[in-house]
Amino acid sequence: LGLSPNLLPIPNTIIEQDAQLLYYADGLLGLGLQHDGGYGFIGNNLPILVNAYNQGVVDQPVYTIYLRKNIQNGDAGVITYGGVDSTNCGSVIAYQPLVKYENYILAFSGVSYGSYANSSTYTTLVDATSGYIAGPPSVIESPFAQSYCHIYDPGNKRLGFALPKGQ
């Protein structure tokens, strides 16, 4: 995974290719969840990150997505495989359990950023492929998604948030 010189070789990895898709498919290679069953398109193969962890290639079956703000061109962020990105992200503020394991869907009560605060409870989908957090537009918008590092911890069925360093 990755681009040279930051290449992460993962031996004994199976990558499946579908000849025909019956649904729109999108995602980041290897960052999917290992489903509990009922998903024939995954079979018995492990997600690439879980396979890397099982072989000792990465320290943890965790990855962090850091998105830079206000990027028009060029490098928009960093994906760190195997742990929390300590270069770009501060300490984890909180972890939220996934309410639906098939996707990164979580519930949260109360959100605040800047001068905005809301104490309602919401269910939301966090999309790692776009830096998008789906939810009520008045509460969750792309500036919120870019205001935090996202720490994906599929082994513990949770998602963490950390403030980027320098903010």
N, C-alpha and C. Protein backbone atom coordinates (compact mmCIF):
# COMPACT_ATOMS: atom_id res chain seq x y z
N LEU A 1 0.84 -1.18 0.00
CA LEU A 1 0.00 0.00 0.00
C LEU A 1 0.88 1.23 0.00
N GLY A 2 0.40 2.30 -0.61
CA GLY A 2 1.10 3.57 -0.57
C GLY A 2 1.97 3.81 -1.78
N LEU A 3 2.66 4.93 -1.74
CA LEU A 3 3.55 5.34 -2.81
C LEU A 3 4.97 5.34 -2.31
N SER A 4 5.90 5.01 -3.18
CA SER A 4 7.31 5.03 -2.81
C SER A 4 7.71 6.45 -2.47
N PRO A 5 8.47 6.75 -1.45
CA PRO A 5 9.26 5.85 -0.61
C PRO A 5 8.51 5.35 0.61
N ASN A 6 7.22 5.63 0.74
CA ASN A 6 6.45 5.23 1.92
C ASN A 6 5.62 3.98 1.66
N LEU A 7 6.17 3.06 0.92
CA LEU A 7 5.48 1.84 0.54
C LEU A 7 5.38 0.89 1.74
N LEU A 8 4.21 0.27 1.91
CA LEU A 8 3.99 -0.70 2.98
C LEU A 8 3.71 -2.06 2.34
N PRO A 9 4.74 -2.91 2.18
CA PRO A 9 4.51 -4.22 1.57
C PRO A 9 3.77 -5.16 2.53
N ILE A 10 2.75 -5.83 2.01
CA ILE A 10 1.96 -6.77 2.81
C ILE A 10 1.92 -8.11 2.06
N PRO A 11 2.77 -9.07 2.46
CA PRO A 11 2.78 -10.36 1.76
C PRO A 11 1.51 -11.16 2.03
N ASN A 12 1.29 -12.17 1.20
CA ASN A 12 0.16 -13.10 1.36
C ASN A 12 -1.17 -12.38 1.42
N THR A 13 -1.35 -11.42 0.54
CA THR A 13 -2.59 -10.64 0.50
C THR A 13 -3.40 -11.04 -0.72
N ILE A 14 -4.68 -11.27 -0.50
CA ILE A 14 -5.58 -11.61 -1.59
C ILE A 14 -6.41 -10.39 -1.92
N ILE A 15 -6.40 -10.02 -3.19
CA ILE A 15 -7.23 -8.91 -3.66
C ILE A 15 -8.19 -9.49 -4.69
N GLU A 16 -9.47 -9.36 -4.42
CA GLU A 16 -10.48 -9.89 -5.33
C GLU A 16 -10.91 -8.81 -6.31
N GLN A 17 -11.25 -9.25 -7.51
CA GLN A 17 -11.79 -8.33 -8.50
C GLN A 17 -13.11 -8.90 -8.99
N ASP A 18 -14.15 -8.10 -8.91
CA ASP A 18 -15.46 -8.52 -9.39
C ASP A 18 -15.56 -8.27 -10.88
N ALA A 19 -16.09 -9.25 -11.59
CA ALA A 19 -16.33 -9.07 -13.02
C ALA A 19 -17.61 -8.28 -13.26
N GLN A 20 -18.53 -8.35 -12.31
CA GLN A 20 -19.80 -7.64 -12.45
C GLN A 20 -20.25 -7.19 -11.06
N LEU A 21 -20.57 -5.92 -10.95
CA LEU A 21 -21.07 -5.39 -9.69
C LEU A 21 -22.56 -5.08 -9.84
N LEU A 22 -23.31 -5.44 -8.84
CA LEU A 22 -24.74 -5.16 -8.85
C LEU A 22 -25.06 -3.92 -8.04
N TYR A 23 -24.06 -3.21 -7.59
CA TYR A 23 -24.25 -2.03 -6.75
C TYR A 23 -23.07 -1.11 -7.00
N TYR A 24 -23.22 0.12 -6.61
CA TYR A 24 -22.12 1.07 -6.70
C TYR A 24 -21.10 0.73 -5.63
N ALA A 25 -19.86 0.58 -6.00
CA ALA A 25 -18.81 0.24 -5.04
C ALA A 25 -17.79 1.36 -4.98
N ASP A 26 -17.35 1.66 -3.80
CA ASP A 26 -16.33 2.68 -3.61
C ASP A 26 -15.60 2.32 -2.33
N GLY A 27 -14.44 2.86 -2.15
CA GLY A 27 -13.73 2.61 -0.91
C GLY A 27 -12.24 2.73 -1.08
N LEU A 28 -11.56 2.64 0.02
CA LEU A 28 -10.11 2.65 0.04
C LEU A 28 -9.64 1.21 0.20
N LEU A 29 -8.77 0.78 -0.67
CA LEU A 29 -8.30 -0.59 -0.68
C LEU A 29 -7.76 -1.00 0.68
N GLY A 30 -8.38 -2.03 1.25
CA GLY A 30 -7.89 -2.60 2.49
C GLY A 30 -8.41 -2.00 3.77
N LEU A 31 -9.25 -0.97 3.68
CA LEU A 31 -9.70 -0.31 4.89
C LEU A 31 -11.11 -0.68 5.28
N GLY A 32 -11.69 -1.65 4.60
CA GLY A 32 -13.03 -2.08 4.92
C GLY A 32 -13.07 -2.88 6.21
N LEU A 33 -14.27 -3.03 6.71
CA LEU A 33 -14.48 -3.83 7.92
C LEU A 33 -14.61 -5.29 7.55
N GLN A 34 -14.23 -6.15 8.47
CA GLN A 34 -14.43 -7.58 8.27
C GLN A 34 -15.85 -7.89 8.70
N HIS A 35 -16.67 -8.25 7.74
CA HIS A 35 -18.09 -8.44 8.03
C HIS A 35 -18.34 -9.74 8.77
N ASP A 36 -19.40 -9.74 9.56
CA ASP A 36 -19.74 -10.89 10.39
C ASP A 36 -20.42 -12.00 9.61
N GLY A 37 -20.76 -11.79 8.37
CA GLY A 37 -21.42 -12.82 7.57
C GLY A 37 -22.50 -12.22 6.70
N GLY A 38 -22.95 -13.00 5.74
CA GLY A 38 -24.02 -12.55 4.87
C GLY A 38 -23.55 -11.66 3.72
N TYR A 39 -22.26 -11.52 3.53
CA TYR A 39 -21.73 -10.69 2.46
C TYR A 39 -20.85 -11.56 1.57
N GLY A 40 -21.48 -12.18 0.58
CA GLY A 40 -20.77 -13.12 -0.28
C GLY A 40 -19.61 -12.53 -1.04
N PHE A 41 -19.63 -11.22 -1.29
CA PHE A 41 -18.57 -10.62 -2.09
C PHE A 41 -17.26 -10.52 -1.33
N ILE A 42 -17.26 -10.75 -0.02
CA ILE A 42 -16.03 -10.69 0.76
C ILE A 42 -15.44 -12.08 0.94
N GLY A 43 -16.28 -13.08 1.02
CA GLY A 43 -15.79 -14.43 1.21
C GLY A 43 -15.07 -14.58 2.54
N ASN A 44 -14.06 -15.42 2.57
CA ASN A 44 -13.29 -15.64 3.80
C ASN A 44 -12.03 -14.80 3.87
N ASN A 45 -11.85 -13.90 2.92
CA ASN A 45 -10.63 -13.10 2.89
C ASN A 45 -10.66 -12.00 3.93
N LEU A 46 -9.50 -11.73 4.50
CA LEU A 46 -9.38 -10.67 5.50
C LEU A 46 -9.17 -9.33 4.82
N PRO A 47 -9.68 -8.26 5.42
CA PRO A 47 -9.31 -6.93 4.93
C PRO A 47 -7.78 -6.79 4.99
N ILE A 48 -7.22 -6.05 4.07
CA ILE A 48 -5.76 -5.94 3.96
C ILE A 48 -5.12 -5.48 5.26
N LEU A 49 -5.72 -4.51 5.94
CA LEU A 49 -5.12 -4.00 7.18
C LEU A 49 -5.12 -5.07 8.28
N VAL A 50 -6.18 -5.86 8.37
CA VAL A 50 -6.24 -6.95 9.36
C VAL A 50 -5.18 -8.00 9.03
N ASN A 51 -5.04 -8.32 7.75
CA ASN A 51 -4.02 -9.27 7.31
C ASN A 51 -2.62 -8.75 7.66
N ALA A 52 -2.38 -7.47 7.44
CA ALA A 52 -1.07 -6.87 7.77
C ALA A 52 -0.80 -6.97 9.27
N TYR A 53 -1.80 -6.72 10.08
CA TYR A 53 -1.65 -6.82 11.54
C TYR A 53 -1.35 -8.26 11.96
N ASN A 54 -2.10 -9.21 11.41
CA ASN A 54 -1.89 -10.62 11.76
C ASN A 54 -0.49 -11.10 11.42
N GLN A 55 0.14 -10.50 10.40
CA GLN A 55 1.50 -10.88 9.99
C GLN A 55 2.57 -10.04 10.68
N GLY A 56 2.18 -9.10 11.53
CA GLY A 56 3.15 -8.27 12.22
C GLY A 56 3.71 -7.13 11.37
N VAL A 57 3.07 -6.82 10.25
CA VAL A 57 3.54 -5.74 9.38
C VAL A 57 3.24 -4.37 10.01
N VAL A 58 2.10 -4.26 10.69
CA VAL A 58 1.73 -3.02 11.40
C VAL A 58 1.52 -3.35 12.87
N ASP A 59 1.68 -2.35 13.73
CA ASP A 59 1.57 -2.56 15.18
C ASP A 59 0.15 -2.77 15.67
N GLN A 60 -0.81 -2.11 15.02
CA GLN A 60 -2.21 -2.20 15.43
C GLN A 60 -3.08 -2.28 14.18
N PRO A 61 -4.26 -2.92 14.25
CA PRO A 61 -5.16 -2.93 13.11
C PRO A 61 -6.00 -1.65 13.09
N VAL A 62 -5.30 -0.52 13.08
CA VAL A 62 -5.91 0.80 13.21
C VAL A 62 -5.33 1.69 12.12
N TYR A 63 -6.13 2.62 11.61
CA TYR A 63 -5.58 3.61 10.71
C TYR A 63 -6.17 4.97 11.03
N THR A 64 -5.40 6.01 10.70
CA THR A 64 -5.80 7.39 10.97
C THR A 64 -5.88 8.15 9.66
N ILE A 65 -6.93 8.95 9.51
CA ILE A 65 -7.04 9.85 8.36
C ILE A 65 -6.96 11.28 8.85
N TYR A 66 -5.99 12.00 8.33
CA TYR A 66 -5.81 13.42 8.63
C TYR A 66 -6.05 14.19 7.33
N LEU A 67 -7.00 15.12 7.34
CA LEU A 67 -7.30 15.94 6.18
C LEU A 67 -6.88 17.37 6.44
N ARG A 68 -6.10 17.92 5.54
CA ARG A 68 -5.71 19.32 5.66
C ARG A 68 -6.89 20.21 5.29
N LYS A 69 -6.95 21.38 5.89
CA LYS A 69 -8.02 22.32 5.58
C LYS A 69 -7.64 23.19 4.39
N ASN A 70 -8.66 23.64 3.67
CA ASN A 70 -8.51 24.65 2.62
C ASN A 70 -7.47 24.29 1.57
N ILE A 71 -7.47 23.05 1.11
CA ILE A 71 -6.53 22.62 0.08
C ILE A 71 -7.22 22.74 -1.28
N GLN A 72 -6.63 23.49 -2.18
CA GLN A 72 -7.17 23.64 -3.53
C GLN A 72 -6.51 22.64 -4.48
N ASN A 73 -5.22 22.43 -4.32
CA ASN A 73 -4.45 21.51 -5.16
C ASN A 73 -3.41 20.81 -4.30
N GLY A 74 -2.95 19.67 -4.78
CA GLY A 74 -1.83 19.01 -4.11
C GLY A 74 -2.25 18.08 -2.99
N ASP A 75 -1.35 17.90 -2.04
CA ASP A 75 -1.50 16.95 -0.94
C ASP A 75 -2.61 17.39 0.01
N ALA A 76 -3.68 16.60 0.08
CA ALA A 76 -4.84 16.97 0.90
C ALA A 76 -4.82 16.34 2.27
N GLY A 77 -3.88 15.45 2.54
CA GLY A 77 -3.85 14.82 3.85
C GLY A 77 -2.98 13.59 3.86
N VAL A 78 -3.14 12.80 4.92
CA VAL A 78 -2.30 11.62 5.14
C VAL A 78 -3.15 10.49 5.71
N ILE A 79 -2.90 9.27 5.24
CA ILE A 79 -3.47 8.07 5.86
C ILE A 79 -2.31 7.36 6.55
N THR A 80 -2.45 7.11 7.84
CA THR A 80 -1.43 6.40 8.62
C THR A 80 -1.95 5.01 8.94
N TYR A 81 -1.26 3.98 8.46
CA TYR A 81 -1.65 2.60 8.70
C TYR A 81 -0.95 2.07 9.94
N GLY A 82 -1.68 1.39 10.80
CA GLY A 82 -1.08 0.71 11.93
C GLY A 82 -1.07 1.47 13.24
N GLY A 83 -1.76 2.61 13.30
CA GLY A 83 -1.80 3.35 14.55
C GLY A 83 -2.30 4.76 14.38
N VAL A 84 -2.19 5.53 15.45
CA VAL A 84 -2.61 6.93 15.46
C VAL A 84 -1.48 7.78 14.87
N ASP A 85 -1.81 8.72 14.03
CA ASP A 85 -0.85 9.63 13.40
C ASP A 85 -0.39 10.65 14.44
N SER A 86 0.77 10.39 15.04
CA SER A 86 1.27 11.30 16.08
C SER A 86 2.00 12.51 15.49
N THR A 87 2.26 12.49 14.19
CA THR A 87 2.90 13.63 13.54
C THR A 87 1.91 14.76 13.30
N ASN A 88 0.71 14.42 12.83
CA ASN A 88 -0.28 15.43 12.47
C ASN A 88 -1.42 15.57 13.47
N CYS A 89 -1.59 14.58 14.34
CA CYS A 89 -2.75 14.56 15.24
C CYS A 89 -2.33 14.56 16.70
N GLY A 90 -3.12 15.24 17.52
CA GLY A 90 -2.90 15.25 18.96
C GLY A 90 -3.47 13.99 19.60
N SER A 91 -3.64 14.04 20.90
CA SER A 91 -4.20 12.91 21.65
C SER A 91 -5.66 12.69 21.26
N VAL A 92 -6.08 11.42 21.30
CA VAL A 92 -7.47 11.09 21.00
C VAL A 92 -8.36 11.71 22.06
N ILE A 93 -9.36 12.46 21.61
CA ILE A 93 -10.31 13.10 22.52
C ILE A 93 -11.31 12.07 23.04
N ALA A 94 -11.85 11.28 22.12
CA ALA A 94 -12.87 10.31 22.49
C ALA A 94 -13.00 9.25 21.41
N TYR A 95 -13.45 8.08 21.80
CA TYR A 95 -13.84 7.03 20.87
C TYR A 95 -15.35 6.85 20.97
N GLN A 96 -15.99 6.63 19.83
CA GLN A 96 -17.41 6.34 19.78
C GLN A 96 -17.59 4.93 19.25
N PRO A 97 -18.42 4.10 19.89
CA PRO A 97 -18.67 2.75 19.37
C PRO A 97 -19.49 2.82 18.09
N LEU A 98 -19.26 1.86 17.20
CA LEU A 98 -20.07 1.77 15.99
C LEU A 98 -21.43 1.19 16.35
N VAL A 99 -22.49 1.78 15.83
CA VAL A 99 -23.83 1.24 16.08
C VAL A 99 -24.24 0.27 14.98
N LYS A 100 -23.56 0.34 13.85
CA LYS A 100 -23.78 -0.61 12.77
C LYS A 100 -22.41 -1.00 12.25
N TYR A 101 -22.04 -2.25 12.44
CA TYR A 101 -20.68 -2.69 12.13
C TYR A 101 -20.42 -2.80 10.64
N GLU A 102 -21.44 -3.00 9.81
CA GLU A 102 -21.22 -3.17 8.38
C GLU A 102 -20.63 -1.91 7.74
N ASN A 103 -20.89 -0.77 8.33
CA ASN A 103 -20.36 0.51 7.86
C ASN A 103 -19.85 1.26 9.09
N TYR A 104 -19.18 2.35 8.85
CA TYR A 104 -18.75 3.18 9.98
C TYR A 104 -19.90 4.11 10.36
N ILE A 105 -20.93 3.54 10.99
CA ILE A 105 -22.08 4.31 11.45
C ILE A 105 -21.99 4.38 12.97
N LEU A 106 -22.05 5.60 13.49
CA LEU A 106 -21.97 5.79 14.93
C LEU A 106 -23.02 6.78 15.39
N ALA A 107 -23.28 6.76 16.68
CA ALA A 107 -24.20 7.71 17.30
C ALA A 107 -23.39 8.62 18.20
N PHE A 108 -23.81 9.86 18.28
CA PHE A 108 -23.15 10.77 19.20
C PHE A 108 -24.18 11.70 19.80
N SER A 109 -23.92 12.11 21.01
CA SER A 109 -24.78 13.05 21.72
C SER A 109 -23.97 14.30 21.98
N GLY A 110 -24.42 15.36 21.41
CA GLY A 110 -23.76 16.64 21.61
C GLY A 110 -22.56 16.81 20.72
N VAL A 111 -22.47 17.95 20.11
CA VAL A 111 -21.34 18.29 19.27
C VAL A 111 -21.07 19.78 19.44
N SER A 112 -19.80 20.12 19.46
CA SER A 112 -19.45 21.54 19.51
C SER A 112 -18.15 21.75 18.77
N TYR A 113 -18.08 22.85 18.09
CA TYR A 113 -16.85 23.29 17.45
C TYR A 113 -16.97 24.78 17.24
N GLY A 114 -15.87 25.49 17.49
CA GLY A 114 -15.93 26.95 17.43
C GLY A 114 -16.94 27.45 18.44
N SER A 115 -17.83 28.33 18.01
CA SER A 115 -18.86 28.87 18.90
C SER A 115 -20.17 28.08 18.81
N TYR A 116 -20.21 27.03 17.98
CA TYR A 116 -21.43 26.24 17.80
C TYR A 116 -21.49 25.11 18.82
N ALA A 117 -22.68 24.88 19.39
CA ALA A 117 -22.89 23.76 20.31
C ALA A 117 -24.31 23.23 20.12
N ASN A 118 -24.46 21.90 20.17
CA ASN A 118 -25.76 21.26 20.02
C ASN A 118 -25.73 20.01 20.89
N SER A 119 -26.76 19.80 21.72
CA SER A 119 -26.76 18.67 22.65
C SER A 119 -27.65 17.52 22.20
N SER A 120 -28.18 17.54 20.98
CA SER A 120 -29.05 16.47 20.49
C SER A 120 -28.24 15.21 20.20
N THR A 121 -28.95 14.08 20.03
CA THR A 121 -28.33 12.81 19.68
C THR A 121 -28.56 12.55 18.20
N TYR A 122 -27.51 12.12 17.49
CA TYR A 122 -27.58 11.88 16.06
C TYR A 122 -26.91 10.56 15.72
N THR A 123 -27.35 9.95 14.62
CA THR A 123 -26.67 8.80 14.03
C THR A 123 -26.06 9.30 12.73
N THR A 124 -24.83 8.92 12.47
CA THR A 124 -24.14 9.45 11.30
C THR A 124 -23.22 8.41 10.67
N LEU A 125 -22.99 8.56 9.39
CA LEU A 125 -22.07 7.71 8.63
C LEU A 125 -20.80 8.51 8.39
N VAL A 126 -19.67 7.93 8.72
CA VAL A 126 -18.37 8.56 8.46
C VAL A 126 -17.77 7.86 7.25
N ASP A 127 -17.56 8.61 6.17
CA ASP A 127 -17.06 8.06 4.91
C ASP A 127 -15.58 8.36 4.76
N ALA A 128 -14.76 7.34 4.95
CA ALA A 128 -13.31 7.52 4.88
C ALA A 128 -12.83 7.87 3.48
N THR A 129 -13.61 7.55 2.46
CA THR A 129 -13.15 7.78 1.10
C THR A 129 -13.24 9.23 0.68
N SER A 130 -14.03 10.03 1.39
CA SER A 130 -14.20 11.41 0.96
C SER A 130 -13.97 12.42 2.08
N GLY A 131 -13.72 11.96 3.28
CA GLY A 131 -13.61 12.89 4.40
C GLY A 131 -14.95 13.46 4.79
N TYR A 132 -16.02 12.77 4.39
CA TYR A 132 -17.38 13.25 4.58
C TYR A 132 -18.01 12.58 5.80
N ILE A 133 -18.68 13.34 6.60
CA ILE A 133 -19.47 12.80 7.70
C ILE A 133 -20.92 13.14 7.39
N ALA A 134 -21.74 12.11 7.14
CA ALA A 134 -23.14 12.32 6.78
C ALA A 134 -23.96 12.51 8.04
N GLY A 135 -24.77 13.50 8.05
CA GLY A 135 -25.63 13.78 9.19
C GLY A 135 -26.43 15.03 8.89
N PRO A 136 -27.12 15.56 9.87
CA PRO A 136 -27.88 16.78 9.65
C PRO A 136 -26.96 17.90 9.17
N PRO A 137 -27.25 18.50 8.00
CA PRO A 137 -26.36 19.53 7.45
C PRO A 137 -26.10 20.69 8.40
N SER A 138 -27.07 21.02 9.24
CA SER A 138 -26.87 22.14 10.16
C SER A 138 -25.87 21.80 11.27
N VAL A 139 -25.59 20.50 11.45
CA VAL A 139 -24.69 20.07 12.52
C VAL A 139 -23.37 19.55 11.96
N ILE A 140 -23.45 18.72 10.94
CA ILE A 140 -22.26 18.06 10.39
C ILE A 140 -22.03 18.56 8.97
N GLU A 141 -20.94 19.24 8.76
CA GLU A 141 -20.57 19.73 7.43
C GLU A 141 -19.10 19.42 7.22
N SER A 142 -18.62 19.60 5.99
CA SER A 142 -17.22 19.26 5.71
C SER A 142 -16.22 20.00 6.58
N PRO A 143 -16.45 21.26 6.99
CA PRO A 143 -15.47 21.86 7.91
C PRO A 143 -15.33 21.07 9.21
N PHE A 144 -16.41 20.48 9.70
CA PHE A 144 -16.33 19.65 10.90
C PHE A 144 -15.49 18.41 10.63
N ALA A 145 -15.73 17.77 9.47
CA ALA A 145 -14.98 16.56 9.12
C ALA A 145 -13.49 16.85 9.02
N GLN A 146 -13.13 18.04 8.57
CA GLN A 146 -11.73 18.41 8.43
C GLN A 146 -11.16 19.00 9.71
N SER A 147 -11.97 19.15 10.73
CA SER A 147 -11.51 19.72 11.99
C SER A 147 -10.91 18.68 12.93
N TYR A 148 -11.05 17.40 12.59
CA TYR A 148 -10.57 16.33 13.45
C TYR A 148 -9.84 15.27 12.64
N CYS A 149 -8.87 14.63 13.26
CA CYS A 149 -8.29 13.41 12.72
C CYS A 149 -9.27 12.29 13.06
N HIS A 150 -9.46 11.36 12.14
CA HIS A 150 -10.36 10.23 12.37
C HIS A 150 -9.49 9.00 12.60
N ILE A 151 -9.71 8.31 13.71
CA ILE A 151 -8.95 7.11 14.05
C ILE A 151 -9.89 5.92 13.95
N TYR A 152 -9.70 5.11 12.92
CA TYR A 152 -10.56 3.96 12.66
C TYR A 152 -9.98 2.75 13.37
N ASP A 153 -10.77 2.16 14.26
CA ASP A 153 -10.35 1.02 15.07
C ASP A 153 -11.37 -0.10 14.88
N PRO A 154 -11.33 -0.78 13.71
CA PRO A 154 -12.35 -1.79 13.44
C PRO A 154 -12.31 -2.98 14.38
N GLY A 155 -11.14 -3.33 14.91
CA GLY A 155 -11.05 -4.47 15.83
C GLY A 155 -11.87 -4.26 17.09
N ASN A 156 -11.94 -3.03 17.55
CA ASN A 156 -12.73 -2.69 18.74
C ASN A 156 -14.06 -2.06 18.38
N LYS A 157 -14.40 -2.07 17.08
CA LYS A 157 -15.68 -1.56 16.58
C LYS A 157 -15.95 -0.14 17.09
N ARG A 158 -14.97 0.75 16.82
CA ARG A 158 -15.12 2.12 17.28
C ARG A 158 -14.37 3.07 16.35
N LEU A 159 -14.68 4.33 16.51
CA LEU A 159 -14.06 5.40 15.74
C LEU A 159 -13.66 6.50 16.71
N GLY A 160 -12.42 6.96 16.61
CA GLY A 160 -11.93 8.00 17.51
C GLY A 160 -11.71 9.32 16.79
N PHE A 161 -11.65 10.38 17.56
CA PHE A 161 -11.42 11.71 17.03
C PHE A 161 -10.30 12.37 17.82
N ALA A 162 -9.43 13.10 17.11
CA ALA A 162 -8.34 13.85 17.74
C ALA A 162 -8.20 15.17 17.00
N LEU A 163 -7.84 16.20 17.73
CA LEU A 163 -7.58 17.49 17.08
C LEU A 163 -6.25 17.42 16.33
N PRO A 164 -6.20 17.99 15.13
CA PRO A 164 -4.91 18.08 14.45
C PRO A 164 -3.96 18.96 15.25
N LYS A 165 -2.68 18.65 15.18
CA LYS A 165 -1.70 19.47 15.88
C LYS A 165 -1.67 20.87 15.27
N GLY A 166 -1.44 21.85 16.12
CA GLY A 166 -1.37 23.23 15.65
C GLY A 166 -2.72 23.91 15.56
N GLN A 167 -3.76 23.28 16.07
CA GLN A 167 -5.09 23.90 16.04
C GLN A 167 -5.62 24.08 17.43
